[in-house]
Amino acid sequence: MPRLIVVVNDVPEAQAEVPLRYAATAAALDADVELHCVGASVAWLARGAAGQALLDRLRDAVDAGARVYACPQALAVHGVAADALLPEVAGIRGAAALLAAGFAPDARFMNF
């Protein structure tokens, strides 16, 4: 199974639809998809922070099989507590986990 690691770095909510669409589409095509939110992008993973359109796209990706992760350093910098994350967030993973996933022989990165 192909593996896609989607890195979402400092993407404002208004532009988040594109990486979420790629994640959902790849997952629907049976790829193993991880979406890693780093930088300011972690802000829209907090409960109550994102609008309905973004939540719908995020849920589409998760429902298709994509897993969403938040960067622990970005959470700290942006003041987002782990227990404030949306239930769609699969977990918290740092740079080493992101790189390890992307260095797998069958993995590809997309960076936004």
N, C-alpha and C. Protein backbone atom coordinates (compact mmCIF):
# COMPACT_ATOMS: atom_id res chain seq x y z
N MET A 1 0.86 -1.17 0.00
CA MET A 1 0.00 0.00 0.00
C MET A 1 0.90 1.24 0.00
N PRO A 2 0.65 2.19 -0.89
CA PRO A 2 1.45 3.42 -0.89
C PRO A 2 1.16 4.24 0.36
N ARG A 3 2.14 5.03 0.74
CA ARG A 3 2.02 5.84 1.95
C ARG A 3 2.24 7.31 1.59
N LEU A 4 1.34 8.17 2.05
CA LEU A 4 1.44 9.59 1.80
C LEU A 4 1.50 10.33 3.13
N ILE A 5 2.53 11.15 3.28
CA ILE A 5 2.68 11.98 4.46
C ILE A 5 2.42 13.43 4.02
N VAL A 6 1.33 13.99 4.50
CA VAL A 6 0.95 15.36 4.15
C VAL A 6 1.36 16.26 5.30
N VAL A 7 2.27 17.19 5.02
CA VAL A 7 2.75 18.13 6.04
C VAL A 7 2.03 19.46 5.81
N VAL A 8 1.34 19.93 6.83
CA VAL A 8 0.57 21.17 6.75
C VAL A 8 1.23 22.17 7.70
N ASN A 9 2.00 23.09 7.12
CA ASN A 9 2.81 24.02 7.91
C ASN A 9 2.30 25.45 7.72
N ASP A 10 1.85 26.05 8.80
CA ASP A 10 1.41 27.45 8.79
C ASP A 10 0.34 27.74 7.75
N VAL A 11 -0.54 26.79 7.52
CA VAL A 11 -1.64 26.97 6.57
C VAL A 11 -2.83 27.54 7.33
N PRO A 12 -3.30 28.73 6.94
CA PRO A 12 -4.48 29.28 7.62
C PRO A 12 -5.72 28.47 7.27
N GLU A 13 -6.70 28.59 8.11
CA GLU A 13 -7.94 27.82 7.93
C GLU A 13 -8.53 28.01 6.54
N ALA A 14 -8.49 29.21 6.01
CA ALA A 14 -9.09 29.49 4.70
C ALA A 14 -8.41 28.71 3.57
N GLN A 15 -7.19 28.26 3.78
CA GLN A 15 -6.46 27.53 2.74
C GLN A 15 -6.28 26.05 3.07
N ALA A 16 -6.87 25.59 4.15
CA ALA A 16 -6.67 24.22 4.59
C ALA A 16 -7.41 23.19 3.75
N GLU A 17 -8.36 23.64 2.94
CA GLU A 17 -9.14 22.68 2.16
C GLU A 17 -8.27 21.88 1.19
N VAL A 18 -7.25 22.49 0.63
CA VAL A 18 -6.43 21.81 -0.38
C VAL A 18 -5.68 20.61 0.22
N PRO A 19 -4.88 20.78 1.28
CA PRO A 19 -4.21 19.60 1.82
C PRO A 19 -5.19 18.55 2.35
N LEU A 20 -6.31 19.00 2.91
CA LEU A 20 -7.30 18.05 3.40
C LEU A 20 -7.93 17.27 2.25
N ARG A 21 -8.14 17.93 1.11
CA ARG A 21 -8.70 17.25 -0.05
C ARG A 21 -7.73 16.19 -0.57
N TYR A 22 -6.44 16.53 -0.65
CA TYR A 22 -5.45 15.55 -1.09
C TYR A 22 -5.39 14.36 -0.13
N ALA A 23 -5.44 14.63 1.17
CA ALA A 23 -5.40 13.56 2.16
C ALA A 23 -6.61 12.65 2.02
N ALA A 24 -7.80 13.24 1.87
CA ALA A 24 -9.01 12.44 1.73
C ALA A 24 -8.99 11.62 0.45
N THR A 25 -8.55 12.23 -0.63
CA THR A 25 -8.52 11.53 -1.92
C THR A 25 -7.54 10.37 -1.89
N ALA A 26 -6.35 10.62 -1.36
CA ALA A 26 -5.35 9.54 -1.29
C ALA A 26 -5.84 8.40 -0.40
N ALA A 27 -6.46 8.73 0.72
CA ALA A 27 -6.99 7.69 1.60
C ALA A 27 -8.11 6.90 0.92
N ALA A 28 -8.95 7.60 0.16
CA ALA A 28 -10.02 6.92 -0.58
C ALA A 28 -9.46 5.99 -1.66
N LEU A 29 -8.25 6.28 -2.12
CA LEU A 29 -7.58 5.43 -3.10
C LEU A 29 -6.74 4.34 -2.41
N ASP A 30 -7.02 4.11 -1.14
CA ASP A 30 -6.39 3.07 -0.33
C ASP A 30 -4.93 3.32 0.01
N ALA A 31 -4.50 4.57 -0.03
CA ALA A 31 -3.16 4.90 0.46
C ALA A 31 -3.21 5.02 1.98
N ASP A 32 -2.09 4.73 2.60
CA ASP A 32 -1.92 4.94 4.04
C ASP A 32 -1.55 6.42 4.20
N VAL A 33 -2.44 7.22 4.75
CA VAL A 33 -2.25 8.68 4.79
C VAL A 33 -2.11 9.17 6.22
N GLU A 34 -1.04 9.96 6.42
CA GLU A 34 -0.85 10.69 7.67
C GLU A 34 -0.81 12.17 7.32
N LEU A 35 -1.59 12.95 8.03
CA LEU A 35 -1.59 14.39 7.85
C LEU A 35 -1.00 14.99 9.13
N HIS A 36 0.15 15.65 9.00
CA HIS A 36 0.85 16.21 10.14
C HIS A 36 0.70 17.74 10.13
N CYS A 37 0.02 18.27 11.13
CA CYS A 37 -0.12 19.72 11.26
C CYS A 37 1.01 20.24 12.13
N VAL A 38 1.79 21.15 11.55
CA VAL A 38 2.92 21.75 12.25
C VAL A 38 2.77 23.27 12.16
N GLY A 39 3.57 23.99 12.92
CA GLY A 39 3.48 25.45 12.88
C GLY A 39 2.10 25.92 13.31
N ALA A 40 1.67 27.03 12.73
CA ALA A 40 0.40 27.65 13.10
C ALA A 40 -0.81 26.81 12.72
N SER A 41 -0.63 25.80 11.88
CA SER A 41 -1.76 24.96 11.46
C SER A 41 -2.38 24.19 12.63
N VAL A 42 -1.63 24.00 13.71
CA VAL A 42 -2.21 23.28 14.85
C VAL A 42 -3.35 24.07 15.48
N ALA A 43 -3.39 25.37 15.27
CA ALA A 43 -4.43 26.20 15.90
C ALA A 43 -5.83 25.77 15.49
N TRP A 44 -6.00 25.38 14.21
CA TRP A 44 -7.34 24.99 13.79
C TRP A 44 -7.70 23.56 14.19
N LEU A 45 -6.82 22.87 14.89
CA LEU A 45 -7.15 21.54 15.42
C LEU A 45 -7.76 21.60 16.81
N ALA A 46 -7.81 22.79 17.40
CA ALA A 46 -8.41 22.94 18.72
C ALA A 46 -9.93 22.97 18.60
N ARG A 47 -10.59 22.33 19.54
CA ARG A 47 -12.06 22.35 19.55
C ARG A 47 -12.55 23.79 19.59
N GLY A 48 -13.50 24.10 18.72
CA GLY A 48 -14.10 25.43 18.69
C GLY A 48 -13.33 26.45 17.86
N ALA A 49 -12.18 26.07 17.32
CA ALA A 49 -11.36 27.04 16.58
C ALA A 49 -11.68 27.08 15.09
N ALA A 50 -12.10 25.98 14.53
CA ALA A 50 -12.31 25.89 13.08
C ALA A 50 -13.78 26.08 12.71
N GLY A 51 -13.98 26.64 11.53
CA GLY A 51 -15.34 26.79 11.02
C GLY A 51 -15.88 25.47 10.50
N GLN A 52 -17.16 25.46 10.19
CA GLN A 52 -17.83 24.23 9.77
C GLN A 52 -17.26 23.66 8.47
N ALA A 53 -16.90 24.52 7.53
CA ALA A 53 -16.36 24.03 6.25
C ALA A 53 -15.06 23.25 6.47
N LEU A 54 -14.18 23.78 7.31
CA LEU A 54 -12.93 23.08 7.59
C LEU A 54 -13.19 21.79 8.35
N LEU A 55 -14.08 21.82 9.31
CA LEU A 55 -14.42 20.59 10.04
C LEU A 55 -14.97 19.53 9.11
N ASP A 56 -15.79 19.93 8.17
CA ASP A 56 -16.33 18.96 7.21
C ASP A 56 -15.23 18.33 6.38
N ARG A 57 -14.27 19.12 5.89
CA ARG A 57 -13.15 18.59 5.10
C ARG A 57 -12.26 17.68 5.94
N LEU A 58 -12.01 18.10 7.19
CA LEU A 58 -11.21 17.28 8.10
C LEU A 58 -11.89 15.93 8.33
N ARG A 59 -13.18 15.96 8.57
CA ARG A 59 -13.93 14.71 8.79
C ARG A 59 -13.96 13.85 7.54
N ASP A 60 -14.04 14.48 6.36
CA ASP A 60 -13.97 13.71 5.11
C ASP A 60 -12.66 12.94 5.03
N ALA A 61 -11.56 13.61 5.37
CA ALA A 61 -10.25 12.95 5.31
C ALA A 61 -10.17 11.80 6.32
N VAL A 62 -10.62 12.06 7.53
CA VAL A 62 -10.58 11.03 8.58
C VAL A 62 -11.51 9.87 8.22
N ASP A 63 -12.70 10.18 7.74
CA ASP A 63 -13.64 9.12 7.36
C ASP A 63 -13.10 8.26 6.22
N ALA A 64 -12.28 8.85 5.36
CA ALA A 64 -11.68 8.09 4.25
C ALA A 64 -10.50 7.25 4.72
N GLY A 65 -10.02 7.51 5.95
CA GLY A 65 -8.94 6.70 6.49
C GLY A 65 -7.67 7.44 6.84
N ALA A 66 -7.60 8.74 6.57
CA ALA A 66 -6.41 9.52 6.92
C ALA A 66 -6.33 9.68 8.44
N ARG A 67 -5.11 9.71 8.93
CA ARG A 67 -4.87 9.96 10.35
C ARG A 67 -4.24 11.35 10.49
N VAL A 68 -4.74 12.12 11.44
CA VAL A 68 -4.30 13.50 11.65
C VAL A 68 -3.48 13.57 12.93
N TYR A 69 -2.30 14.20 12.82
CA TYR A 69 -1.41 14.35 13.97
C TYR A 69 -1.06 15.82 14.15
N ALA A 70 -0.81 16.18 15.41
CA ALA A 70 -0.39 17.54 15.76
C ALA A 70 1.03 17.49 16.29
N CYS A 71 1.80 18.50 15.97
CA CYS A 71 3.19 18.62 16.43
C CYS A 71 3.20 19.13 17.87
N PRO A 72 3.90 18.46 18.77
CA PRO A 72 3.91 18.90 20.17
C PRO A 72 4.56 20.27 20.37
N GLN A 73 5.61 20.55 19.62
CA GLN A 73 6.25 21.86 19.76
C GLN A 73 5.34 22.97 19.28
N ALA A 74 4.64 22.74 18.18
CA ALA A 74 3.71 23.74 17.66
C ALA A 74 2.55 23.96 18.62
N LEU A 75 2.07 22.88 19.23
CA LEU A 75 0.99 23.03 20.21
C LEU A 75 1.44 23.94 21.36
N ALA A 76 2.65 23.71 21.84
CA ALA A 76 3.17 24.52 22.95
C ALA A 76 3.33 25.98 22.54
N VAL A 77 3.90 26.22 21.36
CA VAL A 77 4.13 27.59 20.89
C VAL A 77 2.81 28.34 20.72
N HIS A 78 1.78 27.64 20.25
CA HIS A 78 0.50 28.29 19.97
C HIS A 78 -0.50 28.16 21.11
N GLY A 79 -0.06 27.63 22.23
CA GLY A 79 -0.91 27.57 23.43
C GLY A 79 -2.11 26.66 23.30
N VAL A 80 -1.97 25.58 22.55
CA VAL A 80 -3.06 24.62 22.39
C VAL A 80 -2.75 23.40 23.26
N ALA A 81 -3.61 23.12 24.22
CA ALA A 81 -3.42 21.97 25.10
C ALA A 81 -3.84 20.69 24.38
N ALA A 82 -3.17 19.61 24.68
CA ALA A 82 -3.48 18.32 24.04
C ALA A 82 -4.94 17.92 24.29
N ASP A 83 -5.46 18.22 25.46
CA ASP A 83 -6.84 17.83 25.75
C ASP A 83 -7.88 18.76 25.10
N ALA A 84 -7.41 19.79 24.39
CA ALA A 84 -8.31 20.70 23.68
C ALA A 84 -8.44 20.36 22.20
N LEU A 85 -7.75 19.30 21.76
CA LEU A 85 -7.77 18.94 20.34
C LEU A 85 -9.09 18.28 19.95
N LEU A 86 -9.43 18.47 18.69
CA LEU A 86 -10.63 17.81 18.13
C LEU A 86 -10.52 16.30 18.27
N PRO A 87 -11.63 15.61 18.40
CA PRO A 87 -11.58 14.15 18.50
C PRO A 87 -11.06 13.48 17.23
N GLU A 88 -11.07 14.19 16.11
CA GLU A 88 -10.56 13.63 14.85
C GLU A 88 -9.03 13.51 14.84
N VAL A 89 -8.36 14.19 15.76
CA VAL A 89 -6.90 14.14 15.82
C VAL A 89 -6.49 12.80 16.43
N ALA A 90 -5.71 12.04 15.67
CA ALA A 90 -5.30 10.69 16.09
C ALA A 90 -4.25 10.71 17.18
N GLY A 91 -3.46 11.78 17.24
CA GLY A 91 -2.43 11.83 18.26
C GLY A 91 -1.48 12.98 18.05
N ILE A 92 -0.44 12.97 18.87
CA ILE A 92 0.59 14.00 18.82
C ILE A 92 1.90 13.33 18.42
N ARG A 93 2.51 13.87 17.38
CA ARG A 93 3.77 13.31 16.87
C ARG A 93 4.70 14.45 16.51
N GLY A 94 5.94 14.30 16.90
CA GLY A 94 6.94 15.32 16.63
C GLY A 94 7.69 15.08 15.33
N ALA A 95 8.76 15.84 15.17
CA ALA A 95 9.54 15.81 13.93
C ALA A 95 10.13 14.44 13.65
N ALA A 96 10.61 13.75 14.66
CA ALA A 96 11.23 12.44 14.42
C ALA A 96 10.20 11.44 13.88
N ALA A 97 8.99 11.45 14.43
CA ALA A 97 7.96 10.53 13.95
C ALA A 97 7.53 10.88 12.53
N LEU A 98 7.43 12.17 12.23
CA LEU A 98 7.08 12.61 10.88
C LEU A 98 8.14 12.14 9.88
N LEU A 99 9.40 12.37 10.21
CA LEU A 99 10.47 11.96 9.30
C LEU A 99 10.56 10.45 9.16
N ALA A 100 10.39 9.72 10.24
CA ALA A 100 10.44 8.26 10.17
C ALA A 100 9.34 7.73 9.26
N ALA A 101 8.16 8.31 9.35
CA ALA A 101 7.06 7.88 8.48
C ALA A 101 7.38 8.18 7.02
N GLY A 102 7.94 9.35 6.78
CA GLY A 102 8.23 9.75 5.41
C GLY A 102 9.43 9.06 4.79
N PHE A 103 10.32 8.54 5.61
CA PHE A 103 11.50 7.85 5.10
C PHE A 103 11.23 6.38 4.77
N ALA A 104 10.03 5.91 5.04
CA ALA A 104 9.69 4.53 4.67
C ALA A 104 9.84 4.38 3.16
N PRO A 105 10.29 3.21 2.70
CA PRO A 105 10.58 3.03 1.27
C PRO A 105 9.40 3.36 0.34
N ASP A 106 8.19 3.16 0.80
CA ASP A 106 7.03 3.37 -0.07
C ASP A 106 6.33 4.70 0.21
N ALA A 107 6.95 5.59 0.97
CA ALA A 107 6.31 6.84 1.36
C ALA A 107 6.69 8.00 0.45
N ARG A 108 5.76 8.94 0.37
CA ARG A 108 5.97 10.19 -0.36
C ARG A 108 5.47 11.33 0.52
N PHE A 109 6.14 12.48 0.41
CA PHE A 109 5.74 13.68 1.14
C PHE A 109 4.95 14.61 0.23
N MET A 110 3.98 15.30 0.80
CA MET A 110 3.37 16.48 0.19
C MET A 110 3.48 17.56 1.27
N ASN A 111 3.95 18.72 0.87
CA ASN A 111 4.16 19.79 1.83
C ASN A 111 3.32 21.01 1.46
N PHE A 112 2.56 21.50 2.42
CA PHE A 112 1.73 22.68 2.21
C PHE A 112 2.12 23.73 3.22
